[in-house]
Amino acid sequence: MEQRPIQESNTPSGDSITNHQQVIGYMGVLINQNNALRQQNSNLFEELDRLRLEIVQQQTNYDKLLQKTLCNLATTNDKLKNQLNDCQQ
């Protein structure tokens, strides 16, 4: 029996088997890139959430410091008013 070399046959769509194999290979690469981008996106969302929490904490700390400063200013203002009244008497 004589063996003939295997030749590419055309698929029903007209593409060669080699083209289909290349497309499958490219699809694999694209799927891997997509997965990597999804992971990067997930990491970025986690970082964003962490930064949002950090901003909220900093704002809370700032608000507390501002409130303390305002109270101190009010107290100092009252003391200065009392001293001024004492001097005027």
N, C-alpha and C. Protein backbone atom coordinates (compact mmCIF):
# COMPACT_ATOMS: atom_id res chain seq x y z
N MET A 1 0.84 -1.17 0.00
CA MET A 1 0.00 0.00 0.00
C MET A 1 0.89 1.25 0.00
N GLU A 2 0.64 2.13 -0.90
CA GLU A 2 1.45 3.33 -1.03
C GLU A 2 0.95 4.41 -0.07
N GLN A 3 1.88 5.02 0.66
CA GLN A 3 1.50 6.10 1.58
C GLN A 3 1.70 7.43 0.88
N ARG A 4 0.69 8.21 0.95
CA ARG A 4 0.77 9.54 0.39
C ARG A 4 0.96 10.54 1.52
N PRO A 5 1.67 11.64 1.29
CA PRO A 5 1.81 12.65 2.35
C PRO A 5 0.45 13.24 2.69
N ILE A 6 0.30 13.53 3.97
CA ILE A 6 -0.95 14.13 4.43
C ILE A 6 -0.98 15.58 3.96
N GLN A 7 -2.03 15.93 3.32
CA GLN A 7 -2.18 17.30 2.85
C GLN A 7 -3.27 17.98 3.66
N GLU A 8 -3.12 19.27 3.76
CA GLU A 8 -4.15 20.01 4.47
C GLU A 8 -5.45 19.93 3.69
N SER A 9 -6.50 19.69 4.41
CA SER A 9 -7.80 19.71 3.75
C SER A 9 -8.52 20.97 4.16
N ASN A 10 -9.36 21.40 3.34
CA ASN A 10 -10.13 22.60 3.66
C ASN A 10 -11.32 22.23 4.51
N THR A 11 -11.61 23.08 5.47
CA THR A 11 -12.78 22.89 6.31
C THR A 11 -13.98 23.45 5.57
N PRO A 12 -15.17 23.17 6.06
CA PRO A 12 -16.36 23.69 5.38
C PRO A 12 -16.35 25.20 5.22
N SER A 13 -15.71 25.90 6.13
CA SER A 13 -15.70 27.36 6.03
C SER A 13 -14.65 27.86 5.05
N GLY A 14 -13.83 26.95 4.55
CA GLY A 14 -12.81 27.35 3.59
C GLY A 14 -11.46 27.62 4.21
N ASP A 15 -11.34 27.57 5.55
CA ASP A 15 -10.07 27.80 6.22
C ASP A 15 -9.30 26.49 6.31
N SER A 16 -8.01 26.59 6.25
CA SER A 16 -7.20 25.39 6.37
C SER A 16 -7.09 24.97 7.83
N ILE A 17 -6.71 23.72 8.04
CA ILE A 17 -6.53 23.21 9.41
C ILE A 17 -5.46 24.01 10.12
N THR A 18 -4.41 24.38 9.40
CA THR A 18 -3.34 25.17 10.01
C THR A 18 -3.88 26.50 10.52
N ASN A 19 -4.73 27.13 9.74
CA ASN A 19 -5.33 28.40 10.17
C ASN A 19 -6.15 28.20 11.43
N HIS A 20 -6.90 27.11 11.50
CA HIS A 20 -7.69 26.84 12.70
C HIS A 20 -6.79 26.62 13.90
N GLN A 21 -5.69 25.92 13.70
CA GLN A 21 -4.76 25.69 14.81
C GLN A 21 -4.14 27.00 15.27
N GLN A 22 -3.82 27.87 14.33
CA GLN A 22 -3.27 29.18 14.69
C GLN A 22 -4.30 29.99 15.46
N VAL A 23 -5.53 29.96 14.99
CA VAL A 23 -6.59 30.70 15.67
C VAL A 23 -6.77 30.17 17.09
N ILE A 24 -6.76 28.86 17.24
CA ILE A 24 -6.89 28.26 18.58
C ILE A 24 -5.73 28.69 19.46
N GLY A 25 -4.52 28.72 18.88
CA GLY A 25 -3.36 29.18 19.64
C GLY A 25 -3.50 30.63 20.06
N TYR A 26 -3.94 31.48 19.14
CA TYR A 26 -4.14 32.90 19.45
C TYR A 26 -5.24 33.07 20.50
N MET A 27 -6.27 32.25 20.38
CA MET A 27 -7.36 32.32 21.37
C MET A 27 -6.83 31.98 22.76
N GLY A 28 -5.96 30.99 22.83
CA GLY A 28 -5.35 30.64 24.11
C GLY A 28 -4.56 31.80 24.69
N VAL A 29 -3.79 32.46 23.83
CA VAL A 29 -3.02 33.63 24.28
C VAL A 29 -3.96 34.72 24.76
N LEU A 30 -5.01 34.98 24.00
CA LEU A 30 -5.97 36.02 24.39
C LEU A 30 -6.68 35.67 25.68
N ILE A 31 -7.02 34.41 25.86
CA ILE A 31 -7.67 33.98 27.10
C ILE A 31 -6.73 34.20 28.28
N ASN A 32 -5.45 33.86 28.10
CA ASN A 32 -4.48 34.08 29.18
C ASN A 32 -4.32 35.57 29.48
N GLN A 33 -4.26 36.38 28.44
CA GLN A 33 -4.15 37.83 28.65
C GLN A 33 -5.40 38.36 29.35
N ASN A 34 -6.56 37.86 28.95
CA ASN A 34 -7.81 38.27 29.57
C ASN A 34 -7.82 37.90 31.05
N ASN A 35 -7.38 36.70 31.36
CA ASN A 35 -7.32 36.27 32.76
C ASN A 35 -6.36 37.14 33.56
N ALA A 36 -5.22 37.46 32.96
CA ALA A 36 -4.25 38.32 33.65
C ALA A 36 -4.84 39.71 33.89
N LEU A 37 -5.56 40.23 32.90
CA LEU A 37 -6.19 41.55 33.05
C LEU A 37 -7.30 41.52 34.10
N ARG A 38 -8.05 40.43 34.13
CA ARG A 38 -9.09 40.30 35.16
C ARG A 38 -8.47 40.29 36.56
N GLN A 39 -7.35 39.57 36.71
CA GLN A 39 -6.67 39.53 38.00
C GLN A 39 -6.14 40.91 38.37
N GLN A 40 -5.56 41.59 37.39
CA GLN A 40 -5.05 42.94 37.64
C GLN A 40 -6.20 43.87 38.02
N ASN A 41 -7.33 43.74 37.34
CA ASN A 41 -8.51 44.54 37.64
C ASN A 41 -8.99 44.27 39.07
N SER A 42 -9.01 43.00 39.43
CA SER A 42 -9.42 42.63 40.79
C SER A 42 -8.47 43.23 41.82
N ASN A 43 -7.17 43.16 41.53
CA ASN A 43 -6.17 43.74 42.44
C ASN A 43 -6.36 45.25 42.56
N LEU A 44 -6.67 45.90 41.44
CA LEU A 44 -6.88 47.35 41.47
C LEU A 44 -8.12 47.72 42.27
N PHE A 45 -9.19 46.91 42.15
CA PHE A 45 -10.39 47.17 42.94
C PHE A 45 -10.09 47.01 44.43
N GLU A 46 -9.30 46.00 44.78
CA GLU A 46 -8.92 45.81 46.19
C GLU A 46 -8.12 47.00 46.69
N GLU A 47 -7.18 47.47 45.87
CA GLU A 47 -6.37 48.63 46.24
C GLU A 47 -7.25 49.87 46.37
N LEU A 48 -8.20 50.03 45.47
CA LEU A 48 -9.12 51.16 45.53
C LEU A 48 -9.94 51.12 46.82
N ASP A 49 -10.44 49.95 47.18
CA ASP A 49 -11.20 49.82 48.43
C ASP A 49 -10.33 50.16 49.63
N ARG A 50 -9.06 49.69 49.61
CA ARG A 50 -8.14 49.99 50.71
C ARG A 50 -7.89 51.49 50.80
N LEU A 51 -7.70 52.13 49.66
CA LEU A 51 -7.46 53.58 49.66
C LEU A 51 -8.69 54.36 50.10
N ARG A 52 -9.88 53.88 49.71
CA ARG A 52 -11.11 54.54 50.17
C ARG A 52 -11.22 54.48 51.69
N LEU A 53 -10.94 53.31 52.25
CA LEU A 53 -10.99 53.17 53.71
C LEU A 53 -9.95 54.07 54.38
N GLU A 54 -8.77 54.14 53.77
CA GLU A 54 -7.72 55.00 54.32
C GLU A 54 -8.15 56.46 54.28
N ILE A 55 -8.78 56.89 53.21
CA ILE A 55 -9.26 58.27 53.09
C ILE A 55 -10.32 58.55 54.15
N VAL A 56 -11.24 57.61 54.34
CA VAL A 56 -12.28 57.79 55.36
C VAL A 56 -11.64 57.91 56.74
N GLN A 57 -10.64 57.07 57.02
CA GLN A 57 -9.97 57.13 58.32
C GLN A 57 -9.24 58.46 58.49
N GLN A 58 -8.56 58.91 57.44
CA GLN A 58 -7.86 60.19 57.52
C GLN A 58 -8.85 61.34 57.72
N GLN A 59 -9.98 61.28 57.04
CA GLN A 59 -11.00 62.32 57.20
C GLN A 59 -11.54 62.33 58.62
N THR A 60 -11.76 61.14 59.17
CA THR A 60 -12.24 61.03 60.56
C THR A 60 -11.21 61.63 61.51
N ASN A 61 -9.95 61.27 61.31
CA ASN A 61 -8.89 61.82 62.17
C ASN A 61 -8.80 63.34 62.03
N TYR A 62 -8.90 63.82 60.81
CA TYR A 62 -8.85 65.26 60.56
C TYR A 62 -10.02 65.96 61.24
N ASP A 63 -11.20 65.38 61.14
CA ASP A 63 -12.38 65.98 61.77
C ASP A 63 -12.22 66.04 63.28
N LYS A 64 -11.67 64.98 63.88
CA LYS A 64 -11.45 64.96 65.33
C LYS A 64 -10.44 66.04 65.73
N LEU A 65 -9.37 66.14 64.95
CA LEU A 65 -8.35 67.15 65.24
C LEU A 65 -8.92 68.55 65.09
N LEU A 66 -9.71 68.76 64.06
CA LEU A 66 -10.33 70.06 63.84
C LEU A 66 -11.28 70.41 64.99
N GLN A 67 -12.07 69.44 65.42
CA GLN A 67 -13.00 69.67 66.53
C GLN A 67 -12.24 70.01 67.81
N LYS A 68 -11.15 69.29 68.06
CA LYS A 68 -10.34 69.56 69.25
C LYS A 68 -9.74 70.96 69.18
N THR A 69 -9.25 71.32 68.00
CA THR A 69 -8.67 72.66 67.82
C THR A 69 -9.72 73.74 68.04
N LEU A 70 -10.91 73.53 67.50
CA LEU A 70 -11.98 74.51 67.69
C LEU A 70 -12.35 74.65 69.17
N CYS A 71 -12.40 73.53 69.88
CA CYS A 71 -12.70 73.59 71.31
C CYS A 71 -11.62 74.35 72.06
N ASN A 72 -10.36 74.08 71.70
CA ASN A 72 -9.26 74.78 72.35
C ASN A 72 -9.31 76.27 72.05
N LEU A 73 -9.64 76.62 70.82
CA LEU A 73 -9.76 78.04 70.48
C LEU A 73 -10.90 78.70 71.24
N ALA A 74 -12.00 78.00 71.37
CA ALA A 74 -13.13 78.56 72.11
C ALA A 74 -12.75 78.77 73.57
N THR A 75 -12.04 77.79 74.14
CA THR A 75 -11.61 77.91 75.54
C THR A 75 -10.64 79.07 75.70
N THR A 76 -9.68 79.16 74.78
CA THR A 76 -8.71 80.25 74.83
C THR A 76 -9.40 81.60 74.65
N ASN A 77 -10.36 81.66 73.77
CA ASN A 77 -11.12 82.89 73.55
C ASN A 77 -11.85 83.31 74.83
N ASP A 78 -12.48 82.33 75.49
CA ASP A 78 -13.18 82.64 76.75
C ASP A 78 -12.21 83.16 77.80
N LYS A 79 -11.04 82.55 77.90
CA LYS A 79 -10.04 82.99 78.89
C LYS A 79 -9.59 84.41 78.59
N LEU A 80 -9.35 84.68 77.30
CA LEU A 80 -8.92 86.02 76.93
C LEU A 80 -10.00 87.06 77.20
N LYS A 81 -11.25 86.70 76.97
CA LYS A 81 -12.35 87.62 77.28
C LYS A 81 -12.40 87.90 78.78
N ASN A 82 -12.24 86.87 79.58
CA ASN A 82 -12.24 87.05 81.04
C ASN A 82 -11.08 87.94 81.48
N GLN A 83 -9.91 87.72 80.91
CA GLN A 83 -8.76 88.55 81.26
C GLN A 83 -8.99 90.00 80.85
N LEU A 84 -9.57 90.18 79.69
CA LEU A 84 -9.87 91.54 79.23
C LEU A 84 -10.88 92.21 80.16
N ASN A 85 -11.90 91.47 80.56
CA ASN A 85 -12.89 92.02 81.50
C ASN A 85 -12.25 92.38 82.82
N ASP A 86 -11.33 91.53 83.29
CA ASP A 86 -10.64 91.81 84.55
C ASP A 86 -9.81 93.09 84.43
N CYS A 87 -9.16 93.26 83.29
CA CYS A 87 -8.33 94.44 83.09
C CYS A 87 -9.18 95.71 82.99
N GLN A 88 -10.37 95.59 82.45
CA GLN A 88 -11.22 96.75 82.28
C GLN A 88 -11.88 97.16 83.58
N GLN A 89 -11.92 96.29 84.55
CA GLN A 89 -12.58 96.64 85.81
C GLN A 89 -11.69 97.39 86.72
